[in-house]
Amino acid sequence: MNWNQVEGNWKQFKGKAQEKWGKLTDDELDVIEGKRERLVGKVQELYGKAREEAEKEVSEFEKGL
């Protein structure tokens, strides 16, 4: 699945994102709106991860969908 599909169906994938990153709130997921860069930035911020590590996690999340 490519990220355009994720973005287009974000309401369906919000729950899966929240399962993976439990610190993400519903409001934060609404603000992310399926935008990949926003998700990477929020994962980086909430979990104190390096950008590369957050990118890797989001890529793995994408592949698992």
PDB file of N, CA and C in Angstrom:
ATOM      1  N   MET A   1       0.842  -1.175   0.000  1.00  0.00           N
ATOM      2  CA  MET A   1       0.000   0.000   0.000  1.00  0.00           C
ATOM      3  C   MET A   1       0.888   1.239   0.000  1.00  0.00           C
ATOM      4  N   ASN A   2       0.529   2.198  -0.835  1.00  0.00           N
ATOM      5  CA  ASN A   2       1.334   3.417  -0.836  1.00  0.00           C
ATOM      6  C   ASN A   2       0.687   4.466   0.071  1.00  0.00           C
ATOM      7  N   TRP A   3       1.462   5.494   0.368  1.00  0.00           N
ATOM      8  CA  TRP A   3       0.997   6.471   1.353  1.00  0.00           C
ATOM      9  C   TRP A   3      -0.208   7.261   0.854  1.00  0.00           C
ATOM     10  N   ASN A   4      -0.367   7.428  -0.450  1.00  0.00           N
ATOM     11  CA  ASN A   4      -1.548   8.133  -0.960  1.00  0.00           C
ATOM     12  C   ASN A   4      -2.824   7.406  -0.555  1.00  0.00           C
ATOM     13  N   GLN A   5      -2.782   6.084  -0.555  1.00  0.00           N
ATOM     14  CA  GLN A   5      -3.937   5.299  -0.121  1.00  0.00           C
ATOM     15  C   GLN A   5      -4.182   5.475   1.372  1.00  0.00           C
ATOM     16  N   VAL A   6      -3.103   5.513   2.142  1.00  0.00           N
ATOM     17  CA  VAL A   6      -3.231   5.723   3.583  1.00  0.00           C
ATOM     18  C   VAL A   6      -3.855   7.091   3.841  1.00  0.00           C
ATOM     19  N   GLU A   7      -3.335   8.100   3.166  1.00  0.00           N
ATOM     20  CA  GLU A   7      -3.841   9.460   3.358  1.00  0.00           C
ATOM     21  C   GLU A   7      -5.319   9.547   2.967  1.00  0.00           C
ATOM     22  N   GLY A   8      -5.679   8.915   1.872  1.00  0.00           N
ATOM     23  CA  GLY A   8      -7.052   8.964   1.399  1.00  0.00           C
ATOM     24  C   GLY A   8      -8.033   8.245   2.309  1.00  0.00           C
ATOM     25  N   ASN A   9      -7.544   7.278   3.057  1.00  0.00           N
ATOM     26  CA  ASN A   9      -8.391   6.491   3.955  1.00  0.00           C
ATOM     27  C   ASN A   9      -7.964   6.661   5.416  1.00  0.00           C
ATOM     28  N   TRP A  10      -7.491   7.849   5.760  1.00  0.00           N
ATOM     29  CA  TRP A  10      -6.908   8.093   7.079  1.00  0.00           C
ATOM     30  C   TRP A  10      -7.863   7.746   8.216  1.00  0.00           C
ATOM     31  N   LYS A  11      -9.142   8.014   8.049  1.00  0.00           N
ATOM     32  CA  LYS A  11     -10.094   7.714   9.119  1.00  0.00           C
ATOM     33  C   LYS A  11     -10.066   6.227   9.465  1.00  0.00           C
ATOM     34  N   GLN A  12      -9.852   5.377   8.472  1.00  0.00           N
ATOM     35  CA  GLN A  12      -9.782   3.936   8.703  1.00  0.00           C
ATOM     36  C   GLN A  12      -8.474   3.535   9.386  1.00  0.00           C
ATOM     37  N   PHE A  13      -7.404   4.265   9.121  1.00  0.00           N
ATOM     38  CA  PHE A  13      -6.092   3.881   9.627  1.00  0.00           C
ATOM     39  C   PHE A  13      -5.710   4.565  10.931  1.00  0.00           C
ATOM     40  N   LYS A  14      -6.509   5.540  11.362  1.00  0.00           N
ATOM     41  CA  LYS A  14      -6.198   6.249  12.605  1.00  0.00           C
ATOM     42  C   LYS A  14      -6.100   5.292  13.786  1.00  0.00           C
ATOM     43  N   GLY A  15      -7.021   4.334  13.848  1.00  0.00           N
ATOM     44  CA  GLY A  15      -7.004   3.368  14.950  1.00  0.00           C
ATOM     45  C   GLY A  15      -5.748   2.525  14.961  1.00  0.00           C
ATOM     46  N   LYS A  16      -5.308   2.119  13.776  1.00  0.00           N
ATOM     47  CA  LYS A  16      -4.082   1.322  13.676  1.00  0.00           C
ATOM     48  C   LYS A  16      -2.875   2.143  14.101  1.00  0.00           C
ATOM     49  N   ALA A  17      -2.867   3.422  13.731  1.00  0.00           N
ATOM     50  CA  ALA A  17      -1.768   4.298  14.130  1.00  0.00           C
ATOM     51  C   ALA A  17      -1.766   4.461  15.650  1.00  0.00           C
ATOM     52  N   GLN A  18      -2.950   4.578  16.232  1.00  0.00           N
ATOM     53  CA  GLN A  18      -3.023   4.754  17.680  1.00  0.00           C
ATOM     54  C   GLN A  18      -2.624   3.464  18.413  1.00  0.00           C
ATOM     55  N   GLU A  19      -2.897   2.310  17.805  1.00  0.00           N
ATOM     56  CA  GLU A  19      -2.438   1.046  18.394  1.00  0.00           C
ATOM     57  C   GLU A  19      -0.918   0.989  18.425  1.00  0.00           C
ATOM     58  N   LYS A  20      -0.306   1.429  17.329  1.00  0.00           N
ATOM     59  CA  LYS A  20       1.160   1.375  17.235  1.00  0.00           C
ATOM     60  C   LYS A  20       1.808   2.426  18.126  1.00  0.00           C
ATOM     61  N   TRP A  21       1.274   3.630  18.104  1.00  0.00           N
ATOM     62  CA  TRP A  21       1.832   4.733  18.899  1.00  0.00           C
ATOM     63  C   TRP A  21       0.765   5.211  19.873  1.00  0.00           C
ATOM     64  N   GLY A  22       0.693   4.570  21.007  1.00  0.00           N
ATOM     65  CA  GLY A  22      -0.344   4.835  21.994  1.00  0.00           C
ATOM     66  C   GLY A  22      -0.371   6.241  22.559  1.00  0.00           C
ATOM     67  N   LYS A  23       0.731   6.961  22.442  1.00  0.00           N
ATOM     68  CA  LYS A  23       0.764   8.332  22.960  1.00  0.00           C
ATOM     69  C   LYS A  23       0.024   9.320  22.060  1.00  0.00           C
ATOM     70  N   LEU A  24      -0.282   8.921  20.838  1.00  0.00           N
ATOM     71  CA  LEU A  24      -0.999   9.815  19.921  1.00  0.00           C
ATOM     72  C   LEU A  24      -2.447   9.953  20.368  1.00  0.00           C
ATOM     73  N   THR A  25      -2.902  11.182  20.522  1.00  0.00           N
ATOM     74  CA  THR A  25      -4.289  11.422  20.908  1.00  0.00           C
ATOM     75  C   THR A  25      -5.169  11.506  19.665  1.00  0.00           C
ATOM     76  N   ASP A  26      -6.477  11.415  19.871  1.00  0.00           N
ATOM     77  CA  ASP A  26      -7.411  11.561  18.754  1.00  0.00           C
ATOM     78  C   ASP A  26      -7.242  12.921  18.085  1.00  0.00           C
ATOM     79  N   ASP A  27      -7.056  13.957  18.895  1.00  0.00           N
ATOM     80  CA  ASP A  27      -6.885  15.306  18.335  1.00  0.00           C
ATOM     81  C   ASP A  27      -5.624  15.391  17.479  1.00  0.00           C
ATOM     82  N   GLU A  28      -4.538  14.797  17.955  1.00  0.00           N
ATOM     83  CA  GLU A  28      -3.290  14.814  17.176  1.00  0.00           C
ATOM     84  C   GLU A  28      -3.464  14.037  15.877  1.00  0.00           C
ATOM     85  N   LEU A  29      -4.166  12.918  15.935  1.00  0.00           N
ATOM     86  CA  LEU A  29      -4.413  12.140  14.718  1.00  0.00           C
ATOM     87  C   LEU A  29      -5.273  12.927  13.736  1.00  0.00           C
ATOM     88  N   ASP A  30      -6.215  13.710  14.248  1.00  0.00           N
ATOM     89  CA  ASP A  30      -7.029  14.558  13.369  1.00  0.00           C
ATOM     90  C   ASP A  30      -6.175  15.631  12.700  1.00  0.00           C
ATOM     91  N   VAL A  31      -5.252  16.211  13.446  1.00  0.00           N
ATOM     92  CA  VAL A  31      -4.369  17.245  12.891  1.00  0.00           C
ATOM     93  C   VAL A  31      -3.419  16.646  11.850  1.00  0.00           C
ATOM     94  N   ILE A  32      -2.960  15.436  12.080  1.00  0.00           N
ATOM     95  CA  ILE A  32      -2.052  14.759  11.143  1.00  0.00           C
ATOM     96  C   ILE A  32      -2.730  14.566   9.792  1.00  0.00           C
ATOM     97  N   GLU A  33      -4.026  14.273   9.796  1.00  0.00           N
ATOM     98  CA  GLU A  33      -4.826  14.143   8.565  1.00  0.00           C
ATOM     99  C   GLU A  33      -4.218  13.189   7.544  1.00  0.00           C
ATOM    100  N   GLY A  34      -3.476  12.200   8.001  1.00  0.00           N
ATOM    101  CA  GLY A  34      -2.881  11.247   7.063  1.00  0.00           C
ATOM    102  C   GLY A  34      -1.619  11.736   6.384  1.00  0.00           C
ATOM    103  N   LYS A  35      -1.151  12.905   6.740  1.00  0.00           N
ATOM    104  CA  LYS A  35       0.072  13.444   6.138  1.00  0.00           C
ATOM    105  C   LYS A  35       1.282  12.741   6.750  1.00  0.00           C
ATOM    106  N   ARG A  36       2.057  12.104   5.914  1.00  0.00           N
ATOM    107  CA  ARG A  36       3.186  11.288   6.371  1.00  0.00           C
ATOM    108  C   ARG A  36       4.197  12.092   7.179  1.00  0.00           C
ATOM    109  N   GLU A  37       4.554  13.261   6.689  1.00  0.00           N
ATOM    110  CA  GLU A  37       5.562  14.076   7.379  1.00  0.00           C
ATOM    111  C   GLU A  37       5.073  14.520   8.759  1.00  0.00           C
ATOM    112  N   ARG A  38       3.792  14.815   8.855  1.00  0.00           N
ATOM    113  CA  ARG A  38       3.239  15.198  10.157  1.00  0.00           C
ATOM    114  C   ARG A  38       3.309  14.031  11.134  1.00  0.00           C
ATOM    115  N   LEU A  39       3.003  12.827  10.640  1.00  0.00           N
ATOM    116  CA  LEU A  39       3.058  11.647  11.499  1.00  0.00           C
ATOM    117  C   LEU A  39       4.485  11.387  11.954  1.00  0.00           C
ATOM    118  N   VAL A  40       5.420  11.466  11.043  1.00  0.00           N
ATOM    119  CA  VAL A  40       6.833  11.263  11.395  1.00  0.00           C
ATOM    120  C   VAL A  40       7.253  12.278  12.452  1.00  0.00           C
ATOM    121  N   GLY A  41       6.910  13.529  12.247  1.00  0.00           N
ATOM    122  CA  GLY A  41       7.274  14.577  13.200  1.00  0.00           C
ATOM    123  C   GLY A  41       6.667  14.355  14.568  1.00  0.00           C
ATOM    124  N   LYS A  42       5.413  13.926  14.613  1.00  0.00           N
ATOM    125  CA  LYS A  42       4.733  13.715  15.885  1.00  0.00           C
ATOM    126  C   LYS A  42       5.316  12.510  16.614  1.00  0.00           C
ATOM    127  N   VAL A  43       5.626  11.435  15.884  1.00  0.00           N
ATOM    128  CA  VAL A  43       6.267  10.265  16.496  1.00  0.00           C
ATOM    129  C   VAL A  43       7.626  10.660  17.056  1.00  0.00           C
ATOM    130  N   GLN A  44       8.347  11.436  16.298  1.00  0.00           N
ATOM    131  CA  GLN A  44       9.665  11.907  16.727  1.00  0.00           C
ATOM    132  C   GLN A  44       9.536  12.726  18.013  1.00  0.00           C
ATOM    133  N   GLU A  45       8.574  13.636  18.036  1.00  0.00           N
ATOM    134  CA  GLU A  45       8.382  14.524  19.189  1.00  0.00           C
ATOM    135  C   GLU A  45       7.920  13.751  20.433  1.00  0.00           C
ATOM    136  N   LEU A  46       6.901  12.916  20.288  1.00  0.00           N
ATOM    137  CA  LEU A  46       6.313  12.245  21.443  1.00  0.00           C
ATOM    138  C   LEU A  46       7.215  11.183  22.049  1.00  0.00           C
ATOM    139  N   TYR A  47       7.989  10.532  21.207  1.00  0.00           N
ATOM    140  CA  TYR A  47       8.807   9.421  21.684  1.00  0.00           C
ATOM    141  C   TYR A  47      10.288   9.762  21.790  1.00  0.00           C
ATOM    142  N   GLY A  48      10.654  11.000  21.468  1.00  0.00           N
ATOM    143  CA  GLY A  48      12.040  11.429  21.591  1.00  0.00           C
ATOM    144  C   GLY A  48      12.990  10.654  20.685  1.00  0.00           C
ATOM    145  N   LYS A  49      12.516  10.338  19.494  1.00  0.00           N
ATOM    146  CA  LYS A  49      13.305   9.543  18.555  1.00  0.00           C
ATOM    147  C   LYS A  49      14.016  10.442  17.549  1.00  0.00           C
ATOM    148  N   ALA A  50      15.084   9.909  16.995  1.00  0.00           N
ATOM    149  CA  ALA A  50      15.761  10.599  15.903  1.00  0.00           C
ATOM    150  C   ALA A  50      14.852  10.559  14.679  1.00  0.00           C
ATOM    151  N   ARG A  51      15.019  11.511  13.796  1.00  0.00           N
ATOM    152  CA  ARG A  51      14.191  11.588  12.594  1.00  0.00           C
ATOM    153  C   ARG A  51      14.245  10.281  11.793  1.00  0.00           C
ATOM    154  N   GLU A  52      15.450   9.744  11.625  1.00  0.00           N
ATOM    155  CA  GLU A  52      15.620   8.512  10.852  1.00  0.00           C
ATOM    156  C   GLU A  52      14.841   7.357  11.469  1.00  0.00           C
ATOM    157  N   GLU A  53      14.870   7.262  12.787  1.00  0.00           N
ATOM    158  CA  GLU A  53      14.176   6.182  13.476  1.00  0.00           C
ATOM    159  C   GLU A  53      12.652   6.334  13.328  1.00  0.00           C
ATOM    160  N   ALA A  54      12.160   7.558  13.439  1.00  0.00           N
ATOM    161  CA  ALA A  54      10.729   7.806  13.258  1.00  0.00           C
ATOM    162  C   ALA A  54      10.307   7.492  11.830  1.00  0.00           C
ATOM    163  N   GLU A  55      11.134   7.871  10.862  1.00  0.00           N
ATOM    164  CA  GLU A  55      10.858   7.553   9.451  1.00  0.00           C
ATOM    165  C   GLU A  55      10.773   6.044   9.249  1.00  0.00           C
ATOM    166  N   LYS A  56      11.687   5.309   9.865  1.00  0.00           N
ATOM    167  CA  LYS A  56      11.714   3.862   9.730  1.00  0.00           C
ATOM    168  C   LYS A  56      10.441   3.244  10.317  1.00  0.00           C
ATOM    169  N   GLU A  57      10.025   3.733  11.472  1.00  0.00           N
ATOM    170  CA  GLU A  57       8.808   3.208  12.098  1.00  0.00           C
ATOM    171  C   GLU A  57       7.578   3.470  11.233  1.00  0.00           C
ATOM    172  N   VAL A  58       7.486   4.661  10.661  1.00  0.00           N
ATOM    173  CA  VAL A  58       6.341   4.984   9.808  1.00  0.00           C
ATOM    174  C   VAL A  58       6.371   4.127   8.543  1.00  0.00           C
ATOM    175  N   SER A  59       7.548   3.877   8.002  1.00  0.00           N
ATOM    176  CA  SER A  59       7.664   3.005   6.825  1.00  0.00           C
ATOM    177  C   SER A  59       7.213   1.586   7.158  1.00  0.00           C
ATOM    178  N   GLU A  60       7.601   1.093   8.322  1.00  0.00           N
ATOM    179  CA  GLU A  60       7.173  -0.243   8.737  1.00  0.00           C
ATOM    180  C   GLU A  60       5.667  -0.284   8.936  1.00  0.00           C
ATOM    181  N   PHE A  61       5.119   0.774   9.512  1.00  0.00           N
ATOM    182  CA  PHE A  61       3.677   0.880   9.704  1.00  0.00           C
ATOM    183  C   PHE A  61       2.964   0.814   8.347  1.00  0.00           C
ATOM    184  N   GLU A  62       3.491   1.564   7.392  1.00  0.00           N
ATOM    185  CA  GLU A  62       2.924   1.609   6.042  1.00  0.00           C
ATOM    186  C   GLU A  62       2.938   0.222   5.385  1.00  0.00           C
ATOM    187  N   LYS A  63       4.049  -0.474   5.524  1.00  0.00           N
ATOM    188  CA  LYS A  63       4.178  -1.809   4.929  1.00  0.00           C
ATOM    189  C   LYS A  63       3.224  -2.809   5.563  1.00  0.00           C
ATOM    190  N   GLY A  64       2.919  -2.610   6.839  1.00  0.00           N
ATOM    191  CA  GLY A  64       2.052  -3.533   7.562  1.00  0.00           C
ATOM    192  C   GLY A  64       0.568  -3.345   7.291  1.00  0.00           C
ATOM    193  N   LEU A  65       0.215  -2.325   6.554  1.00  0.00           N
ATOM    194  CA  LEU A  65      -1.203  -2.057   6.303  1.00  0.00           C
ATOM    195  C   LEU A  65      -1.730  -2.843   5.128  1.00  0.00           C
TER     196      LEU A  65
END
